[in-house]
C-alpha cells in the first residue's frame, strides 16, 4: 500500500493539523494487524463497516477498513517525524 496524495484538510483549535491521505489500495484488516506493534489501534463497528483509529506517540491515523482515504492528525512541529513514519508504514 502506497500514498498517492496528501492534502492539507484543516487546522484544529488546539493547533493540530489534519491531512487527508489517499492510498493506492483500501485499508485492510491485515494492514491494521501489521502496524499494531507501532502504536495502539481501536476499532468500532458502524453497520457493516469498521472505523479504526491508530495512535502513535505524536500522531493519529483514522479511517474506515475498505476505504482508500485516511485522516492524519498531528501537531505542526511534528510534521517531519510524521512524514518519516508514514513512509515506513505505507511502503
Protein backbone atom coordinates (compact mmCIF):
# COMPACT_ATOMS: atom_id res chain seq x y z
CA UNK A 1 0.00 0.00 0.00
CA UNK A 2 1.39 3.38 -1.00
CA UNK A 3 0.41 7.00 -0.52
CA UNK A 4 -0.87 8.56 -3.75
CA UNK A 5 -1.71 12.03 -2.47
CA UNK A 6 -1.51 14.10 0.73
CA UNK A 7 -3.79 17.11 1.04
CA UNK A 8 -3.99 19.59 3.91
CA UNK A 9 -7.50 19.34 5.30
CA UNK A 10 -7.81 21.62 8.33
CA UNK A 11 -6.21 23.10 11.42
CA UNK A 12 -7.82 22.38 14.78
CA UNK A 13 -8.25 24.88 17.60
CA UNK A 14 -5.60 23.02 19.64
CA UNK A 15 -3.02 23.57 16.88
CA UNK A 16 -3.23 20.09 15.36
CA UNK A 17 -3.07 19.71 11.60
CA UNK A 18 -5.36 17.27 9.79
CA UNK A 19 -4.22 15.87 6.45
CA UNK A 20 -6.21 13.71 4.02
CA UNK A 21 -4.15 10.81 2.75
CA UNK A 22 -5.24 8.92 -0.38
CA UNK A 23 -3.85 5.40 -0.69
CA UNK A 24 -3.46 3.22 -3.78
CA UNK A 25 -5.35 0.34 -2.12
CA UNK A 26 -8.05 0.11 0.55
CA UNK A 27 -7.06 -0.28 4.20
CA UNK A 28 -7.41 -3.93 5.21
CA UNK A 29 -7.57 -5.81 8.49
CA UNK A 30 -4.18 -7.30 7.54
CA UNK A 31 -2.68 -3.80 7.28
CA UNK A 32 -4.01 -2.88 10.73
CA UNK A 33 -2.50 -6.06 12.16
CA UNK A 34 0.85 -5.21 10.55
CA UNK A 35 1.04 -1.73 12.16
CA UNK A 36 -0.34 -2.79 15.54
CA UNK A 37 3.13 -3.10 17.12
CA UNK A 38 3.92 0.56 16.33
CA UNK A 39 1.05 2.05 18.31
CA UNK A 40 -2.45 1.47 19.63
CA UNK A 41 -5.39 0.55 17.39
CA UNK A 42 -9.02 0.90 18.38
CA UNK A 43 -11.91 -0.21 16.18
CA UNK A 44 -15.64 0.38 16.20
CA UNK A 45 -18.27 -1.34 14.08
CA UNK A 46 -20.60 1.04 12.24
CA UNK A 47 -23.19 -1.02 10.43
CA UNK A 48 -21.25 -3.25 8.05
CA UNK A 49 -18.08 -1.14 8.23
CA UNK A 50 -15.25 -0.81 10.72
CA UNK A 51 -13.93 2.58 11.84
CA UNK A 52 -10.33 2.46 13.08
CA UNK A 53 -8.04 4.82 14.95
CA UNK A 54 -4.31 4.20 15.12
CA UNK A 55 -2.48 6.30 17.69
CA UNK A 56 1.30 6.55 17.99
CA UNK A 57 3.46 8.89 20.06
CA UNK A 58 2.88 12.07 18.07
CA UNK A 59 0.10 11.44 15.56
CA UNK A 60 -3.14 9.59 14.87
CA UNK A 61 -4.46 7.90 11.76
CA UNK A 62 -8.23 7.44 11.29
CA UNK A 63 -10.32 5.84 8.60
CA UNK A 64 -12.57 3.00 7.55
CA UNK A 65 -11.46 -0.52 6.72
CA UNK A 66 -12.06 -0.97 2.98
CA UNK A 67 -11.56 2.72 2.14
CA UNK A 68 -8.59 4.39 0.43
CA UNK A 69 -8.92 7.69 2.33
CA UNK A 70 -7.46 8.12 5.83
CA UNK A 71 -7.01 11.20 8.01
CA UNK A 72 -3.75 12.00 9.80
CA UNK A 73 -3.70 14.37 12.78
CA UNK A 74 -0.53 15.76 14.34
CA UNK A 75 0.97 18.90 15.83
CA UNK A 76 2.65 21.26 13.34
CA UNK A 77 6.06 20.83 14.97
CA UNK A 78 5.83 17.04 14.44
CA UNK A 79 5.33 17.27 10.66
CA UNK A 80 8.77 15.95 9.68
CA UNK A 81 8.83 12.90 12.02
CA UNK A 82 5.25 12.06 10.99
CA UNK A 83 6.21 12.09 7.30
CA UNK A 84 9.12 9.74 8.01
CA UNK A 85 6.86 7.36 9.97
CA UNK A 86 4.19 7.42 7.26
CA UNK A 87 6.78 6.43 4.69
CA UNK A 88 7.69 3.37 6.76
CA UNK A 89 4.05 2.44 7.43
CA UNK A 90 2.91 2.63 3.81
CA UNK A 91 5.89 1.25 1.88
